[in-house]
PDB file of N, CA and C in Angstrom:
ATOM      1  N   MET A   1       0.858  -1.175   0.000  1.00  0.00           N
ATOM      2  CA  MET A   1       0.000   0.000   0.000  1.00  0.00           C
ATOM      3  C   MET A   1       0.899   1.231   0.000  1.00  0.00           C
ATOM      4  N   THR A   2       0.556   2.167  -0.859  1.00  0.00           N
ATOM      5  CA  THR A   2       1.352   3.385  -0.938  1.00  0.00           C
ATOM      6  C   THR A   2       0.977   4.339   0.196  1.00  0.00           C
ATOM      7  N   LYS A   3       1.819   5.309   0.417  1.00  0.00           N
ATOM      8  CA  LYS A   3       1.580   6.310   1.464  1.00  0.00           C
ATOM      9  C   LYS A   3       0.301   7.094   1.190  1.00  0.00           C
ATOM     10  N   SER A   4       0.047   7.409  -0.094  1.00  0.00           N
ATOM     11  CA  SER A   4      -1.158   8.180  -0.421  1.00  0.00           C
ATOM     12  C   SER A   4      -2.421   7.345  -0.192  1.00  0.00           C
ATOM     13  N   GLU A   5      -2.377   6.060  -0.500  1.00  0.00           N
ATOM     14  CA  GLU A   5      -3.530   5.197  -0.240  1.00  0.00           C
ATOM     15  C   GLU A   5      -3.772   5.075   1.256  1.00  0.00           C
ATOM     16  N   GLN A   6      -2.699   4.935   2.009  1.00  0.00           N
ATOM     17  CA  GLN A   6      -2.783   4.850   3.466  1.00  0.00           C
ATOM     18  C   GLN A   6      -3.436   6.107   4.031  1.00  0.00           C
ATOM     19  N   SER A   7      -2.986   7.268   3.601  1.00  0.00           N
ATOM     20  CA  SER A   7      -3.541   8.532   4.091  1.00  0.00           C
ATOM     21  C   SER A   7      -5.001   8.690   3.692  1.00  0.00           C
ATOM     22  N   LYS A   8      -5.342   8.242   2.504  1.00  0.00           N
ATOM     23  CA  LYS A   8      -6.725   8.340   2.029  1.00  0.00           C
ATOM     24  C   LYS A   8      -7.659   7.511   2.912  1.00  0.00           C
ATOM     25  N   LEU A   9      -7.242   6.296   3.275  1.00  0.00           N
ATOM     26  CA  LEU A   9      -8.064   5.462   4.146  1.00  0.00           C
ATOM     27  C   LEU A   9      -8.205   6.079   5.532  1.00  0.00           C
ATOM     28  N   VAL A  10      -7.121   6.644   6.045  1.00  0.00           N
ATOM     29  CA  VAL A  10      -7.168   7.280   7.370  1.00  0.00           C
ATOM     30  C   VAL A  10      -8.119   8.472   7.347  1.00  0.00           C
ATOM     31  N   ARG A  11      -8.028   9.308   6.300  1.00  0.00           N
ATOM     32  CA  ARG A  11      -8.929  10.469   6.199  1.00  0.00           C
ATOM     33  C   ARG A  11     -10.385  10.023   6.111  1.00  0.00           C
ATOM     34  N   ALA A  12     -10.661   8.970   5.362  1.00  0.00           N
ATOM     35  CA  ALA A  12     -12.038   8.485   5.230  1.00  0.00           C
ATOM     36  C   ALA A  12     -12.570   7.973   6.562  1.00  0.00           C
ATOM     37  N   LEU A  13     -11.726   7.333   7.338  1.00  0.00           N
ATOM     38  CA  LEU A  13     -12.165   6.774   8.615  1.00  0.00           C
ATOM     39  C   LEU A  13     -12.356   7.817   9.704  1.00  0.00           C
ATOM     40  N   LYS A  14     -11.720   8.969   9.585  1.00  0.00           N
ATOM     41  CA  LYS A  14     -11.842   9.997  10.629  1.00  0.00           C
ATOM     42  C   LYS A  14     -13.289  10.414  10.858  1.00  0.00           C
ATOM     43  N   ASP A  15     -14.111  10.366   9.818  1.00  0.00           N
ATOM     44  CA  ASP A  15     -15.520  10.754   9.964  1.00  0.00           C
ATOM     45  C   ASP A  15     -16.339   9.713  10.713  1.00  0.00           C
ATOM     46  N   TYR A  16     -15.795   8.529  10.920  1.00  0.00           N
ATOM     47  CA  TYR A  16     -16.549   7.439  11.529  1.00  0.00           C
ATOM     48  C   TYR A  16     -16.032   7.028  12.888  1.00  0.00           C
ATOM     49  N   THR A  17     -15.159   7.815  13.495  1.00  0.00           N
ATOM     50  CA  THR A  17     -14.603   7.439  14.795  1.00  0.00           C
ATOM     51  C   THR A  17     -15.674   7.390  15.881  1.00  0.00           C
ATOM     52  N   ASN A  18     -16.701   8.197  15.753  1.00  0.00           N
ATOM     53  CA  ASN A  18     -17.756   8.186  16.776  1.00  0.00           C
ATOM     54  C   ASN A  18     -18.582   6.900  16.739  1.00  0.00           C
ATOM     55  N   ARG A  19     -18.536   6.152  15.657  1.00  0.00           N
ATOM     56  CA  ARG A  19     -19.270   4.887  15.550  1.00  0.00           C
ATOM     57  C   ARG A  19     -18.437   3.691  16.006  1.00  0.00           C
ATOM     58  N   MET A  20     -17.146   3.885  16.180  1.00  0.00           N
ATOM     59  CA  MET A  20     -16.249   2.782  16.509  1.00  0.00           C
ATOM     60  C   MET A  20     -16.372   2.380  17.965  1.00  0.00           C
ATOM     61  N   ASN A  21     -16.173   1.083  18.210  1.00  0.00           N
ATOM     62  CA  ASN A  21     -16.114   0.635  19.592  1.00  0.00           C
ATOM     63  C   ASN A  21     -14.746   1.009  20.162  1.00  0.00           C
ATOM     64  N   GLN A  22     -14.552   0.770  21.437  1.00  0.00           N
ATOM     65  CA  GLN A  22     -13.345   1.239  22.116  1.00  0.00           C
ATOM     66  C   GLN A  22     -12.070   0.637  21.514  1.00  0.00           C
ATOM     67  N   ASP A  23     -12.067  -0.659  21.229  1.00  0.00           N
ATOM     68  CA  ASP A  23     -10.870  -1.299  20.681  1.00  0.00           C
ATOM     69  C   ASP A  23     -10.552  -0.789  19.279  1.00  0.00           C
ATOM     70  N   ASP A  24     -11.588  -0.667  18.449  1.00  0.00           N
ATOM     71  CA  ASP A  24     -11.380  -0.172  17.091  1.00  0.00           C
ATOM     72  C   ASP A  24     -10.868   1.267  17.106  1.00  0.00           C
ATOM     73  N   ARG A  25     -11.435   2.087  17.980  1.00  0.00           N
ATOM     74  CA  ARG A  25     -11.008   3.489  18.068  1.00  0.00           C
ATOM     75  C   ARG A  25      -9.552   3.594  18.519  1.00  0.00           C
ATOM     76  N   ARG A  26      -9.165   2.779  19.487  1.00  0.00           N
ATOM     77  CA  ARG A  26      -7.782   2.780  19.963  1.00  0.00           C
ATOM     78  C   ARG A  26      -6.825   2.394  18.831  1.00  0.00           C
ATOM     79  N   ASP A  27      -7.184   1.336  18.087  1.00  0.00           N
ATOM     80  CA  ASP A  27      -6.339   0.913  16.966  1.00  0.00           C
ATOM     81  C   ASP A  27      -6.264   1.993  15.898  1.00  0.00           C
ATOM     82  N   PHE A  28      -7.410   2.599  15.599  1.00  0.00           N
ATOM     83  CA  PHE A  28      -7.423   3.640  14.581  1.00  0.00           C
ATOM     84  C   PHE A  28      -6.585   4.843  14.994  1.00  0.00           C
ATOM     85  N   GLU A  29      -6.705   5.261  16.248  1.00  0.00           N
ATOM     86  CA  GLU A  29      -5.934   6.413  16.712  1.00  0.00           C
ATOM     87  C   GLU A  29      -4.436   6.148  16.628  1.00  0.00           C
ATOM     88  N   MET A  30      -4.020   4.904  16.920  1.00  0.00           N
ATOM     89  CA  MET A  30      -2.613   4.546  16.813  1.00  0.00           C
ATOM     90  C   MET A  30      -2.166   4.634  15.340  1.00  0.00           C
ATOM     91  N   ILE A  31      -2.990   4.090  14.438  1.00  0.00           N
ATOM     92  CA  ILE A  31      -2.660   4.119  13.012  1.00  0.00           C
ATOM     93  C   ILE A  31      -2.650   5.558  12.497  1.00  0.00           C
ATOM     94  N   ALA A  32      -3.627   6.363  12.914  1.00  0.00           N
ATOM     95  CA  ALA A  32      -3.703   7.755  12.461  1.00  0.00           C
ATOM     96  C   ALA A  32      -2.497   8.550  12.942  1.00  0.00           C
ATOM     97  N   LYS A  33      -2.038   8.279  14.162  1.00  0.00           N
ATOM     98  CA  LYS A  33      -0.850   8.969  14.680  1.00  0.00           C
ATOM     99  C   LYS A  33       0.379   8.594  13.855  1.00  0.00           C
ATOM    100  N   ARG A  34       0.511   7.318  13.530  1.00  0.00           N
ATOM    101  CA  ARG A  34       1.651   6.893  12.712  1.00  0.00           C
ATOM    102  C   ARG A  34       1.570   7.509  11.319  1.00  0.00           C
ATOM    103  N   ASP A  35       0.363   7.622  10.782  1.00  0.00           N
ATOM    104  CA  ASP A  35       0.195   8.247   9.467  1.00  0.00           C
ATOM    105  C   ASP A  35       0.554   9.728   9.543  1.00  0.00           C
ATOM    106  N   HIS A  36       0.116  10.387  10.600  1.00  0.00           N
ATOM    107  CA  HIS A  36       0.415  11.814  10.779  1.00  0.00           C
ATOM    108  C   HIS A  36       1.917  12.066  10.901  1.00  0.00           C
ATOM    109  N   ASP A  37       2.611  11.116  11.535  1.00  0.00           N
ATOM    110  CA  ASP A  37       4.063  11.234  11.701  1.00  0.00           C
ATOM    111  C   ASP A  37       4.825  10.763  10.459  1.00  0.00           C
ATOM    112  N   ASP A  38       4.112  10.502   9.379  1.00  0.00           N
ATOM    113  CA  ASP A  38       4.694  10.038   8.105  1.00  0.00           C
ATOM    114  C   ASP A  38       5.471   8.731   8.243  1.00  0.00           C
ATOM    115  N   GLU A  39       4.974   7.842   9.081  1.00  0.00           N
ATOM    116  CA  GLU A  39       5.585   6.533   9.219  1.00  0.00           C
ATOM    117  C   GLU A  39       4.888   5.559   8.276  1.00  0.00           C
ATOM    118  N   ASP A  40       5.653   4.638   7.723  1.00  0.00           N
ATOM    119  CA  ASP A  40       5.059   3.564   6.945  1.00  0.00           C
ATOM    120  C   ASP A  40       4.488   2.536   7.916  1.00  0.00           C
ATOM    121  N   LEU A  41       3.331   2.010   7.585  1.00  0.00           N
ATOM    122  CA  LEU A  41       2.701   1.011   8.436  1.00  0.00           C
ATOM    123  C   LEU A  41       3.242  -0.368   8.103  1.00  0.00           C
ATOM    124  N   ASP A  42       3.357  -1.212   9.123  1.00  0.00           N
ATOM    125  CA  ASP A  42       3.760  -2.592   8.867  1.00  0.00           C
ATOM    126  C   ASP A  42       2.553  -3.363   8.336  1.00  0.00           C
ATOM    127  N   SER A  43       2.776  -4.599   7.945  1.00  0.00           N
ATOM    128  CA  SER A  43       1.705  -5.367   7.301  1.00  0.00           C
ATOM    129  C   SER A  43       0.514  -5.600   8.219  1.00  0.00           C
ATOM    130  N   ILE A  44       0.761  -5.748   9.515  1.00  0.00           N
ATOM    131  CA  ILE A  44      -0.334  -5.956  10.466  1.00  0.00           C
ATOM    132  C   ILE A  44      -1.196  -4.700  10.569  1.00  0.00           C
ATOM    133  N   ALA A  45      -0.560  -3.544  10.659  1.00  0.00           N
ATOM    134  CA  ALA A  45      -1.293  -2.283  10.764  1.00  0.00           C
ATOM    135  C   ALA A  45      -2.050  -1.981   9.472  1.00  0.00           C
ATOM    136  N   VAL A  46      -1.451  -2.300   8.325  1.00  0.00           N
ATOM    137  CA  VAL A  46      -2.134  -2.087   7.047  1.00  0.00           C
ATOM    138  C   VAL A  46      -3.384  -2.958   6.974  1.00  0.00           C
ATOM    139  N   ARG A  47      -3.239  -4.218   7.363  1.00  0.00           N
ATOM    140  CA  ARG A  47      -4.387  -5.121   7.358  1.00  0.00           C
ATOM    141  C   ARG A  47      -5.489  -4.611   8.286  1.00  0.00           C
ATOM    142  N   ARG A  48      -5.100  -4.124   9.463  1.00  0.00           N
ATOM    143  CA  ARG A  48      -6.082  -3.604  10.431  1.00  0.00           C
ATOM    144  C   ARG A  48      -6.767  -2.350   9.883  1.00  0.00           C
ATOM    145  N   LEU A  49      -6.007  -1.476   9.232  1.00  0.00           N
ATOM    146  CA  LEU A  49      -6.574  -0.276   8.630  1.00  0.00           C
ATOM    147  C   LEU A  49      -7.601  -0.644   7.562  1.00  0.00           C
ATOM    148  N   GLU A  50      -7.269  -1.624   6.736  1.00  0.00           N
ATOM    149  CA  GLU A  50      -8.206  -2.066   5.700  1.00  0.00           C
ATOM    150  C   GLU A  50      -9.447  -2.694   6.313  1.00  0.00           C
ATOM    151  N   GLU A  51      -9.281  -3.454   7.405  1.00  0.00           N
ATOM    152  CA  GLU A  51     -10.434  -4.053   8.090  1.00  0.00           C
ATOM    153  C   GLU A  51     -11.353  -2.968   8.647  1.00  0.00           C
ATOM    154  N   LEU A  52     -10.772  -1.963   9.275  1.00  0.00           N
ATOM    155  CA  LEU A  52     -11.573  -0.873   9.832  1.00  0.00           C
ATOM    156  C   LEU A  52     -12.304  -0.112   8.728  1.00  0.00           C
ATOM    157  N   HIS A  53     -11.616   0.129   7.626  1.00  0.00           N
ATOM    158  CA  HIS A  53     -12.233   0.840   6.507  1.00  0.00           C
ATOM    159  C   HIS A  53     -13.408   0.035   5.964  1.00  0.00           C
ATOM    160  N   GLU A  54     -13.219  -1.257   5.793  1.00  0.00           N
ATOM    161  CA  GLU A  54     -14.283  -2.123   5.280  1.00  0.00           C
ATOM    162  C   GLU A  54     -15.473  -2.161   6.245  1.00  0.00           C
ATOM    163  N   LYS A  55     -15.184  -2.138   7.532  1.00  0.00           N
ATOM    164  CA  LYS A  55     -16.221  -2.252   8.552  1.00  0.00           C
ATOM    165  C   LYS A  55     -17.050  -0.973   8.705  1.00  0.00           C
ATOM    166  N   TYR A  56     -16.401   0.188   8.629  1.00  0.00           N
ATOM    167  CA  TYR A  56     -17.090   1.429   8.982  1.00  0.00           C
ATOM    168  C   TYR A  56     -17.449   2.347   7.818  1.00  0.00           C
ATOM    169  N   VAL A  57     -16.720   2.332   6.743  1.00  0.00           N
ATOM    170  CA  VAL A  57     -16.990   3.246   5.640  1.00  0.00           C
ATOM    171  C   VAL A  57     -17.933   2.555   4.657  1.00  0.00           C
ATOM    172  N   PRO A  58     -19.132   3.108   4.468  1.00  0.00           N
ATOM    173  CA  PRO A  58     -20.093   2.459   3.570  1.00  0.00           C
ATOM    174  C   PRO A  58     -19.651   2.564   2.119  1.00  0.00           C
ATOM    175  N   ARG A  59     -19.890   1.507   1.380  1.00  0.00           N
ATOM    176  CA  ARG A  59     -19.567   1.501  -0.051  1.00  0.00           C
ATOM    177  C   ARG A  59     -20.760   2.034  -0.825  1.00  0.00           C
ATOM    178  N   LYS A  60     -20.477   2.809  -1.828  1.00  0.00           N
ATOM    179  CA  LYS A  60     -21.510   3.363  -2.689  1.00  0.00           C
ATOM    180  C   LYS A  60     -21.378   2.735  -4.067  1.00  0.00           C
ATOM    181  N   SER A  61     -22.465   2.193  -4.557  1.00  0.00           N
ATOM    182  CA  SER A  61     -22.436   1.619  -5.894  1.00  0.00           C
ATOM    183  C   SER A  61     -22.824   2.689  -6.910  1.00  0.00           C
ATOM    184  N   LYS A  62     -22.607   2.385  -8.161  1.00  0.00           N
ATOM    185  CA  LYS A  62     -22.960   3.321  -9.225  1.00  0.00           C
ATOM    186  C   LYS A  62     -24.471   3.574  -9.232  1.00  0.00           C
ATOM    187  N   ALA A  63     -25.255   2.553  -8.948  1.00  0.00           N
ATOM    188  CA  ALA A  63     -26.711   2.704  -8.912  1.00  0.00           C
ATOM    189  C   ALA A  63     -27.140   3.661  -7.802  1.00  0.00           C
ATOM    190  N   ASP A  64     -26.472   3.599  -6.644  1.00  0.00           N
ATOM    191  CA  ASP A  64     -26.785   4.508  -5.542  1.00  0.00           C
ATOM    192  C   ASP A  64     -26.523   5.954  -5.945  1.00  0.00           C
ATOM    193  N   ILE A  65     -25.433   6.189  -6.631  1.00  0.00           N
ATOM    194  CA  ILE A  65     -25.069   7.545  -7.049  1.00  0.00           C
ATOM    195  C   ILE A  65     -26.046   8.050  -8.105  1.00  0.00           C
ATOM    196  N   GLU A  66     -26.416   7.199  -9.050  1.00  0.00           N
ATOM    197  CA  GLU A  66     -27.375   7.605 -10.084  1.00  0.00           C
ATOM    198  C   GLU A  66     -28.733   7.932  -9.467  1.00  0.00           C
ATOM    199  N   THR A  67     -29.156   7.156  -8.498  1.00  0.00           N
ATOM    200  CA  THR A  67     -30.422   7.417  -7.806  1.00  0.00           C
ATOM    201  C   THR A  67     -30.374   8.758  -7.090  1.00  0.00           C
ATOM    202  N   LEU A  68     -29.250   9.059  -6.461  1.00  0.00           N
ATOM    203  CA  LEU A  68     -29.084  10.332  -5.765  1.00  0.00           C
ATOM    204  C   LEU A  68     -29.197  11.498  -6.740  1.00  0.00           C
ATOM    205  N   PHE A  69     -28.532  11.407  -7.888  1.00  0.00           N
ATOM    206  CA  PHE A  69     -28.599  12.482  -8.871  1.00  0.00           C
ATOM    207  C   PHE A  69     -30.009  12.639  -9.433  1.00  0.00           C
ATOM    208  N   LYS A  70     -30.691  11.541  -9.690  1.00  0.00           N
ATOM    209  CA  LYS A  70     -32.060  11.625 -10.216  1.00  0.00           C
ATOM    210  C   LYS A  70     -32.996  12.253  -9.188  1.00  0.00           C
ATOM    211  N   LYS A  71     -32.744  11.981  -7.922  1.00  0.00           N
ATOM    212  CA  LYS A  71     -33.572  12.535  -6.854  1.00  0.00           C
ATOM    213  C   LYS A  71     -33.396  14.049  -6.752  1.00  0.00           C
ATOM    214  N   HIS A  72     -32.155  14.524  -6.847  1.00  0.00           N
ATOM    215  CA  HIS A  72     -31.872  15.939  -6.669  1.00  0.00           C
ATOM    216  C   HIS A  72     -31.926  16.746  -7.957  1.00  0.00           C
ATOM    217  N   PHE A  73     -31.771  16.095  -9.087  1.00  0.00           N
ATOM    218  CA  PHE A  73     -31.785  16.780 -10.376  1.00  0.00           C
ATOM    219  C   PHE A  73     -32.730  16.054 -11.331  1.00  0.00           C
ATOM    220  N   PRO A  74     -34.044  16.194 -11.109  1.00  0.00           N
ATOM    221  CA  PRO A  74     -34.973  15.484 -11.993  1.00  0.00           C
ATOM    222  C   PRO A  74     -34.895  16.040 -13.414  1.00  0.00           C
ATOM    223  N   GLU A  75     -35.171  15.156 -14.375  1.00  0.00           N
ATOM    224  CA  GLU A  75     -35.137  15.590 -15.774  1.00  0.00           C
ATOM    225  C   GLU A  75     -36.282  16.548 -16.031  1.00  0.00           C
ATOM    226  N   PRO A  76     -36.037  17.601 -16.829  1.00  0.00           N
ATOM    227  CA  PRO A  76     -37.112  18.547 -17.141  1.00  0.00           C
ATOM    228  C   PRO A  76     -38.153  17.856 -18.019  1.00  0.00           C
ATOM    229  N   PRO A  77     -39.401  18.314 -17.957  1.00  0.00           N
ATOM    230  CA  PRO A  77     -40.438  17.696 -18.782  1.00  0.00           C
ATOM    231  C   PRO A  77     -40.142  17.901 -20.261  1.00  0.00           C
ATOM    232  N   ASP A  78     -40.582  16.956 -21.080  1.00  0.00           N
ATOM    233  CA  ASP A  78     -40.350  17.008 -22.530  1.00  0.00           C
ATOM    234  C   ASP A  78     -41.409  17.916 -23.164  1.00  0.00           C
ATOM    235  N   HIS A  79     -40.989  19.038 -23.758  1.00  0.00           N
ATOM    236  CA  HIS A  79     -41.894  20.004 -24.377  1.00  0.00           C
ATOM    237  C   HIS A  79     -41.884  19.888 -25.893  1.00  0.00           C
ATOM    238  N   SER A  80     -41.440  18.785 -26.412  1.00  0.00           N
ATOM    239  CA  SER A  80     -41.373  18.635 -27.868  1.00  0.00           C
ATOM    240  C   SER A  80     -42.658  17.994 -28.391  1.00  0.00           C
ATOM    241  N   THR A  81     -43.707  18.783 -28.464  1.00  0.00           N
ATOM    242  CA  THR A  81     -44.977  18.280 -28.994  1.00  0.00           C
ATOM    243  C   THR A  81     -45.040  18.565 -30.484  1.00  0.00           C
ATOM    244  N   ASN A  82     -45.788  17.792 -31.191  1.00  0.00           N
ATOM    245  CA  ASN A  82     -45.891  17.913 -32.647  1.00  0.00           C
ATOM    246  C   ASN A  82     -47.141  18.710 -33.023  1.00  0.00           C
ATOM    247  N   GLY A  83     -47.318  19.804 -32.530  1.00  0.00           N
ATOM    248  CA  GLY A  83     -48.510  20.496 -32.942  1.00  0.00           C
ATOM    249  C   GLY A  83     -48.682  21.799 -32.402  1.00  0.00           C
TER     250      GLY A  83
END
């Protein structure tokens, strides 16, 4: 995992710390501190970071995004009448 990917996962998880249980929050804070100090994570910490990301950050599918856009930006009515 590259440093930029590591930082991206840490930034995404920061919004979900209030949902984490005590053990997960402790692990995340340790990983976030190491990321802030520009340290490379070892394989165990990388695996734990990926587990936390999978557990707490919801995945959005393309269909979810399209539904959101249709909800907020409905298509204008068709005014092309033949007469």
